[in-house]
Amino acid sequence: MADVVNLRQFRKRAERAEKEKTAEQNRLAHGRTKAEKSLTRALNEKAEKALDQGRLEKRADVSEGDDRDGHS
């Protein structure tokens, strides 16, 4: 004789498992602490500042369309 299964409980168990899977995906995608967010922000700002420090300024006497070095 087969075991009797309550379909309502089976359905609810399946729904809970699906919600837990979705919650785990959300934790991986969005679940960062305030310290982790501020560290990432600080590292990005530092990298941007280092990039800006190495940037060469355009000369004022050279216009956008004037290409003196032969490159187009």
PDB file of N, CA and C in Angstrom:
ATOM      1  N   MET A   1       0.844  -1.166   0.000  1.00  0.00           N
ATOM      2  CA  MET A   1       0.000   0.000   0.000  1.00  0.00           C
ATOM      3  C   MET A   1       0.904   1.249   0.000  1.00  0.00           C
ATOM      4  N   ALA A   2       0.561   2.264  -0.764  1.00  0.00           N
ATOM      5  CA  ALA A   2       1.349   3.484  -0.899  1.00  0.00           C
ATOM      6  C   ALA A   2       1.064   4.434   0.265  1.00  0.00           C
ATOM      7  N   ASP A   3       2.031   5.291   0.521  1.00  0.00           N
ATOM      8  CA  ASP A   3       1.853   6.291   1.581  1.00  0.00           C
ATOM      9  C   ASP A   3       0.875   7.361   1.118  1.00  0.00           C
ATOM     10  N   VAL A   4       0.084   7.844   2.029  1.00  0.00           N
ATOM     11  CA  VAL A   4      -0.865   8.908   1.740  1.00  0.00           C
ATOM     12  C   VAL A   4      -0.119  10.239   1.819  1.00  0.00           C
ATOM     13  N   VAL A   5      -0.303  11.077   0.794  1.00  0.00           N
ATOM     14  CA  VAL A   5       0.399  12.363   0.719  1.00  0.00           C
ATOM     15  C   VAL A   5      -0.637  13.477   0.743  1.00  0.00           C
ATOM     16  N   ASN A   6      -0.434  14.435   1.624  1.00  0.00           N
ATOM     17  CA  ASN A   6      -1.297  15.602   1.670  1.00  0.00           C
ATOM     18  C   ASN A   6      -0.784  16.594   0.624  1.00  0.00           C
ATOM     19  N   LEU A   7      -1.551  16.787  -0.442  1.00  0.00           N
ATOM     20  CA  LEU A   7      -1.108  17.625  -1.561  1.00  0.00           C
ATOM     21  C   LEU A   7      -0.937  19.083  -1.161  1.00  0.00           C
ATOM     22  N   ARG A   8      -1.760  19.569  -0.245  1.00  0.00           N
ATOM     23  CA  ARG A   8      -1.645  20.958   0.212  1.00  0.00           C
ATOM     24  C   ARG A   8      -0.286  21.175   0.886  1.00  0.00           C
ATOM     25  N   GLN A   9       0.116  20.254   1.762  1.00  0.00           N
ATOM     26  CA  GLN A   9       1.413  20.385   2.430  1.00  0.00           C
ATOM     27  C   GLN A   9       2.557  20.248   1.435  1.00  0.00           C
ATOM     28  N   PHE A  10       2.407  19.363   0.479  1.00  0.00           N
ATOM     29  CA  PHE A  10       3.430  19.180  -0.547  1.00  0.00           C
ATOM     30  C   PHE A  10       3.599  20.464  -1.357  1.00  0.00           C
ATOM     31  N   ARG A  11       2.471  21.092  -1.740  1.00  0.00           N
ATOM     32  CA  ARG A  11       2.506  22.345  -2.517  1.00  0.00           C
ATOM     33  C   ARG A  11       3.171  23.453  -1.712  1.00  0.00           C
ATOM     34  N   LYS A  12       2.800  23.580  -0.432  1.00  0.00           N
ATOM     35  CA  LYS A  12       3.393  24.620   0.411  1.00  0.00           C
ATOM     36  C   LYS A  12       4.887  24.402   0.597  1.00  0.00           C
ATOM     37  N   ARG A  13       5.315  23.157   0.744  1.00  0.00           N
ATOM     38  CA  ARG A  13       6.737  22.843   0.901  1.00  0.00           C
ATOM     39  C   ARG A  13       7.506  23.240  -0.365  1.00  0.00           C
ATOM     40  N   ALA A  14       6.908  22.979  -1.520  1.00  0.00           N
ATOM     41  CA  ALA A  14       7.541  23.338  -2.797  1.00  0.00           C
ATOM     42  C   ALA A  14       7.636  24.856  -2.943  1.00  0.00           C
ATOM     43  N   GLU A  15       6.582  25.572  -2.534  1.00  0.00           N
ATOM     44  CA  GLU A  15       6.597  27.041  -2.611  1.00  0.00           C
ATOM     45  C   GLU A  15       7.665  27.623  -1.689  1.00  0.00           C
ATOM     46  N   ARG A  16       7.796  27.064  -0.477  1.00  0.00           N
ATOM     47  CA  ARG A  16       8.828  27.540   0.456  1.00  0.00           C
ATOM     48  C   ARG A  16      10.221  27.333  -0.117  1.00  0.00           C
ATOM     49  N   ALA A  17      10.442  26.180  -0.735  1.00  0.00           N
ATOM     50  CA  ALA A  17      11.747  25.896  -1.325  1.00  0.00           C
ATOM     51  C   ALA A  17      12.057  26.881  -2.450  1.00  0.00           C
ATOM     52  N   GLU A  18      11.059  27.208  -3.256  1.00  0.00           N
ATOM     53  CA  GLU A  18      11.252  28.170  -4.354  1.00  0.00           C
ATOM     54  C   GLU A  18      11.569  29.560  -3.802  1.00  0.00           C
ATOM     55  N   LYS A  19      10.839  29.970  -2.749  1.00  0.00           N
ATOM     56  CA  LYS A  19      11.105  31.277  -2.146  1.00  0.00           C
ATOM     57  C   LYS A  19      12.503  31.335  -1.546  1.00  0.00           C
ATOM     58  N   GLU A  20      12.942  30.247  -0.937  1.00  0.00           N
ATOM     59  CA  GLU A  20      14.282  30.209  -0.344  1.00  0.00           C
ATOM     60  C   GLU A  20      15.351  30.305  -1.435  1.00  0.00           C
ATOM     61  N   LYS A  21      15.114  29.667  -2.564  1.00  0.00           N
ATOM     62  CA  LYS A  21      16.066  29.740  -3.677  1.00  0.00           C
ATOM     63  C   LYS A  21      16.160  31.178  -4.208  1.00  0.00           C
ATOM     64  N   THR A  22      15.013  31.835  -4.355  1.00  0.00           N
ATOM     65  CA  THR A  22      14.986  33.225  -4.804  1.00  0.00           C
ATOM     66  C   THR A  22      15.674  34.140  -3.794  1.00  0.00           C
ATOM     67  N   ALA A  23      15.429  33.896  -2.508  1.00  0.00           N
ATOM     68  CA  ALA A  23      16.049  34.712  -1.460  1.00  0.00           C
ATOM     69  C   ALA A  23      17.562  34.548  -1.481  1.00  0.00           C
ATOM     70  N   GLU A  24      18.046  33.349  -1.712  1.00  0.00           N
ATOM     71  CA  GLU A  24      19.490  33.108  -1.780  1.00  0.00           C
ATOM     72  C   GLU A  24      20.106  33.865  -2.951  1.00  0.00           C
ATOM     73  N   GLN A  25      19.433  33.874  -4.088  1.00  0.00           N
ATOM     74  CA  GLN A  25      19.923  34.620  -5.246  1.00  0.00           C
ATOM     75  C   GLN A  25      19.964  36.116  -4.949  1.00  0.00           C
ATOM     76  N   ASN A  26      18.942  36.630  -4.268  1.00  0.00           N
ATOM     77  CA  ASN A  26      18.904  38.053  -3.907  1.00  0.00           C
ATOM     78  C   ASN A  26      20.012  38.395  -2.914  1.00  0.00           C
ATOM     79  N   ARG A  27      20.285  37.493  -1.968  1.00  0.00           N
ATOM     80  CA  ARG A  27      21.359  37.747  -1.006  1.00  0.00           C
ATOM     81  C   ARG A  27      22.702  37.839  -1.709  1.00  0.00           C
ATOM     82  N   LEU A  28      22.913  36.981  -2.704  1.00  0.00           N
ATOM     83  CA  LEU A  28      24.168  37.021  -3.444  1.00  0.00           C
ATOM     84  C   LEU A  28      24.285  38.294  -4.279  1.00  0.00           C
ATOM     85  N   ALA A  29      23.171  38.730  -4.866  1.00  0.00           N
ATOM     86  CA  ALA A  29      23.202  39.886  -5.752  1.00  0.00           C
ATOM     87  C   ALA A  29      23.220  41.211  -4.985  1.00  0.00           C
ATOM     88  N   HIS A  30      22.476  41.306  -3.893  1.00  0.00           N
ATOM     89  CA  HIS A  30      22.272  42.599  -3.232  1.00  0.00           C
ATOM     90  C   HIS A  30      22.774  42.646  -1.795  1.00  0.00           C
ATOM     91  N   GLY A  31      23.084  41.524  -1.217  1.00  0.00           N
ATOM     92  CA  GLY A  31      23.383  41.470   0.205  1.00  0.00           C
ATOM     93  C   GLY A  31      24.812  41.831   0.536  1.00  0.00           C
ATOM     94  N   ARG A  32      25.097  43.122   0.608  1.00  0.00           N
ATOM     95  CA  ARG A  32      26.421  43.574   1.013  1.00  0.00           C
ATOM     96  C   ARG A  32      26.268  44.489   2.218  1.00  0.00           C
ATOM     97  N   THR A  33      27.214  44.416   3.116  1.00  0.00           N
ATOM     98  CA  THR A  33      27.145  45.247   4.302  1.00  0.00           C
ATOM     99  C   THR A  33      27.515  46.679   3.952  1.00  0.00           C
ATOM    100  N   LYS A  34      27.214  47.579   4.861  1.00  0.00           N
ATOM    101  CA  LYS A  34      27.534  48.984   4.659  1.00  0.00           C
ATOM    102  C   LYS A  34      29.047  49.166   4.532  1.00  0.00           C
ATOM    103  N   ALA A  35      29.816  48.417   5.300  1.00  0.00           N
ATOM    104  CA  ALA A  35      31.275  48.504   5.235  1.00  0.00           C
ATOM    105  C   ALA A  35      31.788  48.053   3.863  1.00  0.00           C
ATOM    106  N   GLU A  36      31.216  46.988   3.320  1.00  0.00           N
ATOM    107  CA  GLU A  36      31.631  46.525   1.996  1.00  0.00           C
ATOM    108  C   GLU A  36      31.297  47.557   0.925  1.00  0.00           C
ATOM    109  N   LYS A  37      30.131  48.176   1.033  1.00  0.00           N
ATOM    110  CA  LYS A  37      29.743  49.198   0.060  1.00  0.00           C
ATOM    111  C   LYS A  37      30.665  50.405   0.140  1.00  0.00           C
ATOM    112  N   SER A  38      30.986  50.849   1.356  1.00  0.00           N
ATOM    113  CA  SER A  38      31.849  52.024   1.496  1.00  0.00           C
ATOM    114  C   SER A  38      33.271  51.710   1.043  1.00  0.00           C
ATOM    115  N   LEU A  39      33.750  50.482   1.273  1.00  0.00           N
ATOM    116  CA  LEU A  39      35.075  50.088   0.804  1.00  0.00           C
ATOM    117  C   LEU A  39      35.124  50.105  -0.720  1.00  0.00           C
ATOM    118  N   THR A  40      34.115  49.552  -1.361  1.00  0.00           N
ATOM    119  CA  THR A  40      34.058  49.550  -2.822  1.00  0.00           C
ATOM    120  C   THR A  40      34.019  50.969  -3.359  1.00  0.00           C
ATOM    121  N   ARG A  41      33.218  51.825  -2.732  1.00  0.00           N
ATOM    122  CA  ARG A  41      33.121  53.217  -3.162  1.00  0.00           C
ATOM    123  C   ARG A  41      34.462  53.920  -3.023  1.00  0.00           C
ATOM    124  N   ALA A  42      35.153  53.695  -1.906  1.00  0.00           N
ATOM    125  CA  ALA A  42      36.456  54.330  -1.686  1.00  0.00           C
ATOM    126  C   ALA A  42      37.487  53.840  -2.699  1.00  0.00           C
ATOM    127  N   LEU A  43      37.485  52.554  -2.988  1.00  0.00           N
ATOM    128  CA  LEU A  43      38.428  52.021  -3.972  1.00  0.00           C
ATOM    129  C   LEU A  43      38.155  52.581  -5.367  1.00  0.00           C
ATOM    130  N   ASN A  44      36.883  52.720  -5.720  1.00  0.00           N
ATOM    131  CA  ASN A  44      36.534  53.290  -7.023  1.00  0.00           C
ATOM    132  C   ASN A  44      36.959  54.746  -7.116  1.00  0.00           C
ATOM    133  N   GLU A  45      36.757  55.511  -6.045  1.00  0.00           N
ATOM    134  CA  GLU A  45      37.163  56.914  -6.042  1.00  0.00           C
ATOM    135  C   GLU A  45      38.679  57.040  -6.142  1.00  0.00           C
ATOM    136  N   LYS A  46      39.412  56.177  -5.454  1.00  0.00           N
ATOM    137  CA  LYS A  46      40.869  56.204  -5.499  1.00  0.00           C
ATOM    138  C   LYS A  46      41.371  55.885  -6.909  1.00  0.00           C
ATOM    139  N   ALA A  47      40.777  54.890  -7.553  1.00  0.00           N
ATOM    140  CA  ALA A  47      41.170  54.520  -8.907  1.00  0.00           C
ATOM    141  C   ALA A  47      40.862  55.646  -9.890  1.00  0.00           C
ATOM    142  N   GLU A  48      39.708  56.294  -9.718  1.00  0.00           N
ATOM    143  CA  GLU A  48      39.341  57.403 -10.597  1.00  0.00           C
ATOM    144  C   GLU A  48      40.290  58.585 -10.415  1.00  0.00           C
ATOM    145  N   LYS A  49      40.665  58.842  -9.174  1.00  0.00           N
ATOM    146  CA  LYS A  49      41.590  59.940  -8.901  1.00  0.00           C
ATOM    147  C   LYS A  49      42.960  59.653  -9.519  1.00  0.00           C
ATOM    148  N   ALA A  50      43.434  58.415  -9.410  1.00  0.00           N
ATOM    149  CA  ALA A  50      44.725  58.048  -9.996  1.00  0.00           C
ATOM    150  C   ALA A  50      44.676  58.165 -11.514  1.00  0.00           C
ATOM    151  N   LEU A  51      43.559  57.808 -12.100  1.00  0.00           N
ATOM    152  CA  LEU A  51      43.399  57.927 -13.546  1.00  0.00           C
ATOM    153  C   LEU A  51      43.410  59.386 -13.966  1.00  0.00           C
ATOM    154  N   ASP A  52      42.716  60.239 -13.221  1.00  0.00           N
ATOM    155  CA  ASP A  52      42.670  61.662 -13.542  1.00  0.00           C
ATOM    156  C   ASP A  52      44.041  62.316 -13.381  1.00  0.00           C
ATOM    157  N   GLN A  53      44.841  61.858 -12.445  1.00  0.00           N
ATOM    158  CA  GLN A  53      46.168  62.440 -12.244  1.00  0.00           C
ATOM    159  C   GLN A  53      47.079  62.148 -13.431  1.00  0.00           C
ATOM    160  N   GLY A  54      46.883  61.033 -14.092  1.00  0.00           N
ATOM    161  CA  GLY A  54      47.725  60.684 -15.224  1.00  0.00           C
ATOM    162  C   GLY A  54      47.226  61.223 -16.545  1.00  0.00           C
ATOM    163  N   ARG A  55      46.095  61.891 -16.532  1.00  0.00           N
ATOM    164  CA  ARG A  55      45.491  62.402 -17.763  1.00  0.00           C
ATOM    165  C   ARG A  55      46.260  63.617 -18.273  1.00  0.00           C
ATOM    166  N   LEU A  56      46.456  63.663 -19.563  1.00  0.00           N
ATOM    167  CA  LEU A  56      47.106  64.811 -20.188  1.00  0.00           C
ATOM    168  C   LEU A  56      46.040  65.827 -20.560  1.00  0.00           C
ATOM    169  N   GLU A  57      46.336  67.078 -20.322  1.00  0.00           N
ATOM    170  CA  GLU A  57      45.411  68.147 -20.680  1.00  0.00           C
ATOM    171  C   GLU A  57      45.539  68.437 -22.170  1.00  0.00           C
ATOM    172  N   LYS A  58      44.422  68.738 -22.811  1.00  0.00           N
ATOM    173  CA  LYS A  58      44.467  69.120 -24.216  1.00  0.00           C
ATOM    174  C   LYS A  58      45.017  70.526 -24.327  1.00  0.00           C
ATOM    175  N   ARG A  59      45.794  70.722 -25.358  1.00  0.00           N
ATOM    176  CA  ARG A  59      46.327  72.073 -25.582  1.00  0.00           C
ATOM    177  C   ARG A  59      45.205  72.961 -26.091  1.00  0.00           C
ATOM    178  N   ALA A  60      45.191  74.220 -25.688  1.00  0.00           N
ATOM    179  CA  ALA A  60      44.131  75.148 -26.046  1.00  0.00           C
ATOM    180  C   ALA A  60      44.239  75.580 -27.504  1.00  0.00           C
ATOM    181  N   ASP A  61      45.477  75.612 -28.077  1.00  0.00           N
ATOM    182  CA  ASP A  61      45.648  76.109 -29.444  1.00  0.00           C
ATOM    183  C   ASP A  61      45.338  75.041 -30.498  1.00  0.00           C
ATOM    184  N   VAL A  62      45.059  73.812 -30.112  1.00  0.00           N
ATOM    185  CA  VAL A  62      44.720  72.762 -31.069  1.00  0.00           C
ATOM    186  C   VAL A  62      43.213  72.541 -31.018  1.00  0.00           C
ATOM    187  N   SER A  63      42.581  72.699 -32.178  1.00  0.00           N
ATOM    188  CA  SER A  63      41.133  72.525 -32.218  1.00  0.00           C
ATOM    189  C   SER A  63      40.794  71.044 -32.357  1.00  0.00           C
ATOM    190  N   GLU A  64      39.527  70.719 -32.188  1.00  0.00           N
ATOM    191  CA  GLU A  64      39.080  69.332 -32.254  1.00  0.00           C
ATOM    192  C   GLU A  64      39.338  68.735 -33.630  1.00  0.00           C
ATOM    193  N   GLY A  65      39.107  69.461 -34.699  1.00  0.00           N
ATOM    194  CA  GLY A  65      39.256  68.939 -36.050  1.00  0.00           C
ATOM    195  C   GLY A  65      40.691  68.968 -36.558  1.00  0.00           C
ATOM    196  N   ASP A  66      41.568  69.690 -35.929  1.00  0.00           N
ATOM    197  CA  ASP A  66      42.952  69.823 -36.369  1.00  0.00           C
ATOM    198  C   ASP A  66      43.746  68.615 -35.905  1.00  0.00           C
ATOM    199  N   ASP A  67      44.270  67.838 -36.862  1.00  0.00           N
ATOM    200  CA  ASP A  67      45.000  66.630 -36.527  1.00  0.00           C
ATOM    201  C   ASP A  67      46.417  66.774 -37.085  1.00  0.00           C
ATOM    202  N   ARG A  68      47.320  67.302 -36.296  1.00  0.00           N
ATOM    203  CA  ARG A  68      48.664  67.599 -36.761  1.00  0.00           C
ATOM    204  C   ARG A  68      49.574  66.379 -36.838  1.00  0.00           C
ATOM    205  N   ASP A  69      49.254  65.297 -36.117  1.00  0.00           N
ATOM    206  CA  ASP A  69      50.144  64.152 -36.118  1.00  0.00           C
ATOM    207  C   ASP A  69      49.759  63.131 -37.199  1.00  0.00           C
ATOM    208  N   GLY A  70      48.772  63.405 -38.008  1.00  0.00           N
ATOM    209  CA  GLY A  70      48.433  62.555 -39.130  1.00  0.00           C
ATOM    210  C   GLY A  70      47.437  61.459 -38.834  1.00  0.00           C
ATOM    211  N   HIS A  71      46.969  61.334 -37.603  1.00  0.00           N
ATOM    212  CA  HIS A  71      45.980  60.328 -37.260  1.00  0.00           C
ATOM    213  C   HIS A  71      44.583  60.894 -37.429  1.00  0.00           C
ATOM    214  N   SER A  72      43.648  60.049 -37.858  1.00  0.00           N
ATOM    215  CA  SER A  72      42.289  60.546 -38.003  1.00  0.00           C
ATOM    216  C   SER A  72      41.340  59.913 -37.048  1.00  0.00           C
TER     217      SER A  72
END
